Amino acid sequence: MRPFVGASIAVIRGDRVLLAARANAPMRGVWTLPGGLVEAGEAIADAALRELKEEVGLDAEMIG
């Protein structure tokens, strides 16, 4: 198995946390934080924000 770098993002509003059901294997249907692979040359924070947009259609900004 080849190593890879992944990024996830926690979107929290009040006492709620956004989860997304995985669409692909492995673990299809499992609820997780939105995230995915970091592309070559991409900052981890940028990858997390990109994955949020791709997976659930939300724009966000990092606050911490």
PDB file of N, CA and C in Angstrom:
ATOM      1  N   MET A   1       0.837  -1.175   0.000  1.00  0.00           N
ATOM      2  CA  MET A   1       0.000   0.000   0.000  1.00  0.00           C
ATOM      3  C   MET A   1       0.888   1.246   0.000  1.00  0.00           C
ATOM      4  N   ARG A   2       0.556   2.185  -0.867  1.00  0.00           N
ATOM      5  CA  ARG A   2       1.340   3.421  -0.960  1.00  0.00           C
ATOM      6  C   ARG A   2       0.882   4.398   0.114  1.00  0.00           C
ATOM      7  N   PRO A   3       1.824   5.100   0.735  1.00  0.00           N
ATOM      8  CA  PRO A   3       1.431   6.106   1.727  1.00  0.00           C
ATOM      9  C   PRO A   3       0.747   7.289   1.052  1.00  0.00           C
ATOM     10  N   PHE A   4      -0.123   7.959   1.789  1.00  0.00           N
ATOM     11  CA  PHE A   4      -0.807   9.139   1.276  1.00  0.00           C
ATOM     12  C   PHE A   4      -1.066  10.098   2.426  1.00  0.00           C
ATOM     13  N   VAL A   5      -1.344  11.348   2.088  1.00  0.00           N
ATOM     14  CA  VAL A   5      -1.695  12.354   3.085  1.00  0.00           C
ATOM     15  C   VAL A   5      -3.153  12.715   2.864  1.00  0.00           C
ATOM     16  N   GLY A   6      -3.919  12.681   3.932  1.00  0.00           N
ATOM     17  CA  GLY A   6      -5.328  13.040   3.866  1.00  0.00           C
ATOM     18  C   GLY A   6      -5.604  14.211   4.788  1.00  0.00           C
ATOM     19  N   ALA A   7      -6.710  14.888   4.534  1.00  0.00           N
ATOM     20  CA  ALA A   7      -7.126  16.016   5.366  1.00  0.00           C
ATOM     21  C   ALA A   7      -8.627  15.928   5.590  1.00  0.00           C
ATOM     22  N   SER A   8      -9.046  16.177   6.809  1.00  0.00           N
ATOM     23  CA  SER A   8     -10.462  16.248   7.158  1.00  0.00           C
ATOM     24  C   SER A   8     -10.715  17.586   7.817  1.00  0.00           C
ATOM     25  N   ILE A   9     -11.986  17.970   7.873  1.00  0.00           N
ATOM     26  CA  ILE A   9     -12.326  19.256   8.459  1.00  0.00           C
ATOM     27  C   ILE A   9     -13.545  19.093   9.360  1.00  0.00           C
ATOM     28  N   ALA A  10     -13.489  19.695  10.541  1.00  0.00           N
ATOM     29  CA  ALA A  10     -14.616  19.685  11.474  1.00  0.00           C
ATOM     30  C   ALA A  10     -15.351  21.011  11.348  1.00  0.00           C
ATOM     31  N   VAL A  11     -16.612  20.938  10.949  1.00  0.00           N
ATOM     32  CA  VAL A  11     -17.464  22.122  10.868  1.00  0.00           C
ATOM     33  C   VAL A  11     -18.397  22.050  12.069  1.00  0.00           C
ATOM     34  N   ILE A  12     -18.241  23.007  12.980  1.00  0.00           N
ATOM     35  CA  ILE A  12     -18.992  22.998  14.236  1.00  0.00           C
ATOM     36  C   ILE A  12     -19.832  24.257  14.314  1.00  0.00           C
ATOM     37  N   ARG A  13     -21.098  24.066  14.616  1.00  0.00           N
ATOM     38  CA  ARG A  13     -22.013  25.200  14.798  1.00  0.00           C
ATOM     39  C   ARG A  13     -22.814  24.926  16.060  1.00  0.00           C
ATOM     40  N   GLY A  14     -22.531  25.714  17.103  1.00  0.00           N
ATOM     41  CA  GLY A  14     -23.179  25.453  18.388  1.00  0.00           C
ATOM     42  C   GLY A  14     -22.773  24.084  18.896  1.00  0.00           C
ATOM     43  N   ASP A  15     -23.772  23.230  19.140  1.00  0.00           N
ATOM     44  CA  ASP A  15     -23.486  21.881  19.626  1.00  0.00           C
ATOM     45  C   ASP A  15     -23.589  20.837  18.516  1.00  0.00           C
ATOM     46  N   ARG A  16     -23.540  21.287  17.264  1.00  0.00           N
ATOM     47  CA  ARG A  16     -23.655  20.380  16.120  1.00  0.00           C
ATOM     48  C   ARG A  16     -22.334  20.263  15.368  1.00  0.00           C
ATOM     49  N   VAL A  17     -22.079  19.059  14.849  1.00  0.00           N
ATOM     50  CA  VAL A  17     -20.889  18.788  14.039  1.00  0.00           C
ATOM     51  C   VAL A  17     -21.356  18.203  12.709  1.00  0.00           C
ATOM     52  N   LEU A  18     -20.864  18.749  11.607  1.00  0.00           N
ATOM     53  CA  LEU A  18     -21.236  18.268  10.280  1.00  0.00           C
ATOM     54  C   LEU A  18     -20.531  16.952   9.971  1.00  0.00           C
ATOM     55  N   LEU A  19     -21.305  15.949   9.585  1.00  0.00           N
ATOM     56  CA  LEU A  19     -20.773  14.669   9.141  1.00  0.00           C
ATOM     57  C   LEU A  19     -21.287  14.392   7.737  1.00  0.00           C
ATOM     58  N   ALA A  20     -20.535  13.600   6.990  1.00  0.00           N
ATOM     59  CA  ALA A  20     -20.940  13.208   5.639  1.00  0.00           C
ATOM     60  C   ALA A  20     -20.822  11.691   5.527  1.00  0.00           C
ATOM     61  N   ALA A  21     -21.777  11.071   4.853  1.00  0.00           N
ATOM     62  CA  ALA A  21     -21.715   9.625   4.623  1.00  0.00           C
ATOM     63  C   ALA A  21     -20.740   9.365   3.480  1.00  0.00           C
ATOM     64  N   ARG A  22     -19.801   8.459   3.692  1.00  0.00           N
ATOM     65  CA  ARG A  22     -18.821   8.133   2.652  1.00  0.00           C
ATOM     66  C   ARG A  22     -19.525   7.509   1.458  1.00  0.00           C
ATOM     67  N   ALA A  23     -19.192   7.994   0.265  1.00  0.00           N
ATOM     68  CA  ALA A  23     -19.829   7.515  -0.960  1.00  0.00           C
ATOM     69  C   ALA A  23     -19.076   6.350  -1.592  1.00  0.00           C
ATOM     70  N   ASN A  24     -17.794   6.214  -1.273  1.00  0.00           N
ATOM     71  CA  ASN A  24     -16.954   5.211  -1.932  1.00  0.00           C
ATOM     72  C   ASN A  24     -16.309   4.282  -0.919  1.00  0.00           C
ATOM     73  N   ALA A  25     -15.892   3.120  -1.410  1.00  0.00           N
ATOM     74  CA  ALA A  25     -15.138   2.185  -0.581  1.00  0.00           C
ATOM     75  C   ALA A  25     -13.771   2.789  -0.295  1.00  0.00           C
ATOM     76  N   PRO A  26     -13.131   2.508   0.776  1.00  0.00           N
ATOM     77  CA  PRO A  26     -13.632   1.629   1.827  1.00  0.00           C
ATOM     78  C   PRO A  26     -14.622   2.359   2.734  1.00  0.00           C
ATOM     79  N   MET A  27     -15.381   1.621   3.435  1.00  0.00           N
ATOM     80  CA  MET A  27     -16.331   2.131   4.439  1.00  0.00           C
ATOM     81  C   MET A  27     -17.471   2.947   3.826  1.00  0.00           C
ATOM     82  N   ARG A  28     -17.952   2.560   2.672  1.00  0.00           N
ATOM     83  CA  ARG A  28     -19.094   3.233   2.041  1.00  0.00           C
ATOM     84  C   ARG A  28     -20.255   3.291   3.034  1.00  0.00           C
ATOM     85  N   GLY A  29     -20.867   4.478   3.145  1.00  0.00           N
ATOM     86  CA  GLY A  29     -22.023   4.666   4.014  1.00  0.00           C
ATOM     87  C   GLY A  29     -21.698   5.034   5.450  1.00  0.00           C
ATOM     88  N   VAL A  30     -20.432   4.964   5.837  1.00  0.00           N
ATOM     89  CA  VAL A  30     -20.029   5.322   7.198  1.00  0.00           C
ATOM     90  C   VAL A  30     -19.999   6.843   7.325  1.00  0.00           C
ATOM     91  N   TRP A  31     -20.518   7.365   8.426  1.00  0.00           N
ATOM     92  CA  TRP A  31     -20.532   8.809   8.670  1.00  0.00           C
ATOM     93  C   TRP A  31     -19.166   9.257   9.180  1.00  0.00           C
ATOM     94  N   THR A  32     -18.576  10.253   8.499  1.00  0.00           N
ATOM     95  CA  THR A  32     -17.254  10.764   8.860  1.00  0.00           C
ATOM     96  C   THR A  32     -17.218  12.279   8.680  1.00  0.00           C
ATOM     97  N   LEU A  33     -16.146  12.883   9.154  1.00  0.00           N
ATOM     98  CA  LEU A  33     -15.901  14.286   8.839  1.00  0.00           C
ATOM     99  C   LEU A  33     -15.603  14.387   7.347  1.00  0.00           C
ATOM    100  N   PRO A  34     -16.022  15.467   6.691  1.00  0.00           N
ATOM    101  CA  PRO A  34     -15.671  15.642   5.280  1.00  0.00           C
ATOM    102  C   PRO A  34     -14.146  15.698   5.125  1.00  0.00           C
ATOM    103  N   GLY A  35     -13.631  15.064   4.105  1.00  0.00           N
ATOM    104  CA  GLY A  35     -12.192  15.085   3.879  1.00  0.00           C
ATOM    105  C   GLY A  35     -11.805  14.211   2.710  1.00  0.00           C
ATOM    106  N   GLY A  36     -10.523  14.192   2.429  1.00  0.00           N
ATOM    107  CA  GLY A  36     -10.015  13.391   1.326  1.00  0.00           C
ATOM    108  C   GLY A  36      -8.519  13.556   1.187  1.00  0.00           C
ATOM    109  N   LEU A  37      -8.013  13.218   0.026  1.00  0.00           N
ATOM    110  CA  LEU A  37      -6.575  13.245  -0.212  1.00  0.00           C
ATOM    111  C   LEU A  37      -6.064  14.656  -0.476  1.00  0.00           C
ATOM    112  N   VAL A  38      -4.855  14.912  -0.004  1.00  0.00           N
ATOM    113  CA  VAL A  38      -4.161  16.167  -0.281  1.00  0.00           C
ATOM    114  C   VAL A  38      -3.441  15.999  -1.615  1.00  0.00           C
ATOM    115  N   GLU A  39      -3.652  16.934  -2.526  1.00  0.00           N
ATOM    116  CA  GLU A  39      -3.008  16.874  -3.837  1.00  0.00           C
ATOM    117  C   GLU A  39      -1.559  17.359  -3.734  1.00  0.00           C
ATOM    118  N   ALA A  40      -0.717  16.922  -4.657  1.00  0.00           N
ATOM    119  CA  ALA A  40       0.694  17.313  -4.670  1.00  0.00           C
ATOM    120  C   ALA A  40       0.823  18.829  -4.683  1.00  0.00           C
ATOM    121  N   GLY A  41       1.625  19.360  -3.764  1.00  0.00           N
ATOM    122  CA  GLY A  41       1.864  20.793  -3.691  1.00  0.00           C
ATOM    123  C   GLY A  41       0.781  21.581  -2.982  1.00  0.00           C
ATOM    124  N   GLU A  42      -0.253  20.912  -2.499  1.00  0.00           N
ATOM    125  CA  GLU A  42      -1.380  21.588  -1.851  1.00  0.00           C
ATOM    126  C   GLU A  42      -1.166  21.639  -0.340  1.00  0.00           C
ATOM    127  N   ALA A  43      -1.480  22.768   0.276  1.00  0.00           N
ATOM    128  CA  ALA A  43      -1.418  22.880   1.734  1.00  0.00           C
ATOM    129  C   ALA A  43      -2.552  22.052   2.341  1.00  0.00           C
ATOM    130  N   ILE A  44      -2.302  21.470   3.499  1.00  0.00           N
ATOM    131  CA  ILE A  44      -3.303  20.621   4.139  1.00  0.00           C
ATOM    132  C   ILE A  44      -4.584  21.399   4.424  1.00  0.00           C
ATOM    133  N   ALA A  45      -4.472  22.622   4.918  1.00  0.00           N
ATOM    134  CA  ALA A  45      -5.669  23.433   5.197  1.00  0.00           C
ATOM    135  C   ALA A  45      -6.458  23.704   3.921  1.00  0.00           C
ATOM    136  N   ASP A  46      -5.758  23.983   2.832  1.00  0.00           N
ATOM    137  CA  ASP A  46      -6.435  24.219   1.551  1.00  0.00           C
ATOM    138  C   ASP A  46      -7.146  22.957   1.069  1.00  0.00           C
ATOM    139  N   ALA A  47      -6.513  21.809   1.277  1.00  0.00           N
ATOM    140  CA  ALA A  47      -7.130  20.540   0.878  1.00  0.00           C
ATOM    141  C   ALA A  47      -8.405  20.286   1.670  1.00  0.00           C
ATOM    142  N   ALA A  48      -8.374  20.562   2.960  1.00  0.00           N
ATOM    143  CA  ALA A  48      -9.560  20.356   3.794  1.00  0.00           C
ATOM    144  C   ALA A  48     -10.713  21.241   3.327  1.00  0.00           C
ATOM    145  N   LEU A  49     -10.422  22.497   3.031  1.00  0.00           N
ATOM    146  CA  LEU A  49     -11.465  23.413   2.548  1.00  0.00           C
ATOM    147  C   LEU A  49     -11.979  22.994   1.167  1.00  0.00           C
ATOM    148  N   ARG A  50     -11.084  22.531   0.309  1.00  0.00           N
ATOM    149  CA  ARG A  50     -11.488  22.060  -1.022  1.00  0.00           C
ATOM    150  C   ARG A  50     -12.401  20.844  -0.908  1.00  0.00           C
ATOM    151  N   GLU A  51     -12.026  19.909  -0.055  1.00  0.00           N
ATOM    152  CA  GLU A  51     -12.838  18.706   0.125  1.00  0.00           C
ATOM    153  C   GLU A  51     -14.213  19.046   0.692  1.00  0.00           C
ATOM    154  N   LEU A  52     -14.284  20.007   1.591  1.00  0.00           N
ATOM    155  CA  LEU A  52     -15.573  20.442   2.133  1.00  0.00           C
ATOM    156  C   LEU A  52     -16.468  20.940   1.011  1.00  0.00           C
ATOM    157  N   LYS A  53     -15.909  21.744   0.123  1.00  0.00           N
ATOM    158  CA  LYS A  53     -16.668  22.276  -1.015  1.00  0.00           C
ATOM    159  C   LYS A  53     -17.085  21.143  -1.960  1.00  0.00           C
ATOM    160  N   GLU A  54     -16.173  20.239  -2.261  1.00  0.00           N
ATOM    161  CA  GLU A  54     -16.467  19.145  -3.193  1.00  0.00           C
ATOM    162  C   GLU A  54     -17.505  18.177  -2.635  1.00  0.00           C
ATOM    163  N   GLU A  55     -17.400  17.849  -1.359  1.00  0.00           N
ATOM    164  CA  GLU A  55     -18.239  16.801  -0.790  1.00  0.00           C
ATOM    165  C   GLU A  55     -19.613  17.281  -0.348  1.00  0.00           C
ATOM    166  N   VAL A  56     -19.687  18.480   0.214  1.00  0.00           N
ATOM    167  CA  VAL A  56     -20.985  18.928   0.743  1.00  0.00           C
ATOM    168  C   VAL A  56     -21.413  20.290   0.225  1.00  0.00           C
ATOM    169  N   GLY A  57     -20.600  20.913  -0.639  1.00  0.00           N
ATOM    170  CA  GLY A  57     -20.997  22.171  -1.260  1.00  0.00           C
ATOM    171  C   GLY A  57     -20.934  23.388  -0.362  1.00  0.00           C
ATOM    172  N   LEU A  58     -20.139  23.323   0.693  1.00  0.00           N
ATOM    173  CA  LEU A  58     -20.020  24.453   1.616  1.00  0.00           C
ATOM    174  C   LEU A  58     -18.680  25.159   1.467  1.00  0.00           C
ATOM    175  N   ASP A  59     -18.711  26.485   1.587  1.00  0.00           N
ATOM    176  CA  ASP A  59     -17.499  27.288   1.692  1.00  0.00           C
ATOM    177  C   ASP A  59     -17.304  27.620   3.159  1.00  0.00           C
ATOM    178  N   ALA A  60     -16.066  27.646   3.611  1.00  0.00           N
ATOM    179  CA  ALA A  60     -15.783  27.943   5.016  1.00  0.00           C
ATOM    180  C   ALA A  60     -14.433  28.632   5.110  1.00  0.00           C
ATOM    181  N   GLU A  61     -14.116  29.072   6.304  1.00  0.00           N
ATOM    182  CA  GLU A  61     -12.794  29.623   6.577  1.00  0.00           C
ATOM    183  C   GLU A  61     -12.274  29.002   7.859  1.00  0.00           C
ATOM    184  N   MET A  62     -10.962  28.887   7.943  1.00  0.00           N
ATOM    185  CA  MET A  62     -10.332  28.333   9.139  1.00  0.00           C
ATOM    186  C   MET A  62     -10.337  29.379  10.243  1.00  0.00           C
ATOM    187  N   ILE A  63     -10.675  28.946  11.458  1.00  0.00           N
ATOM    188  CA  ILE A  63     -10.654  29.877  12.584  1.00  0.00           C
ATOM    189  C   ILE A  63      -9.731  29.409  13.700  1.00  0.00           C
ATOM    190  N   GLY A  64      -9.108  28.271  13.547  1.00  0.00           N
ATOM    191  CA  GLY A  64      -8.240  27.806  14.612  1.00  0.00           C
ATOM    192  C   GLY A  64      -7.162  26.906  14.119  1.00  0.00           C
TER     193      GLY A  64
END
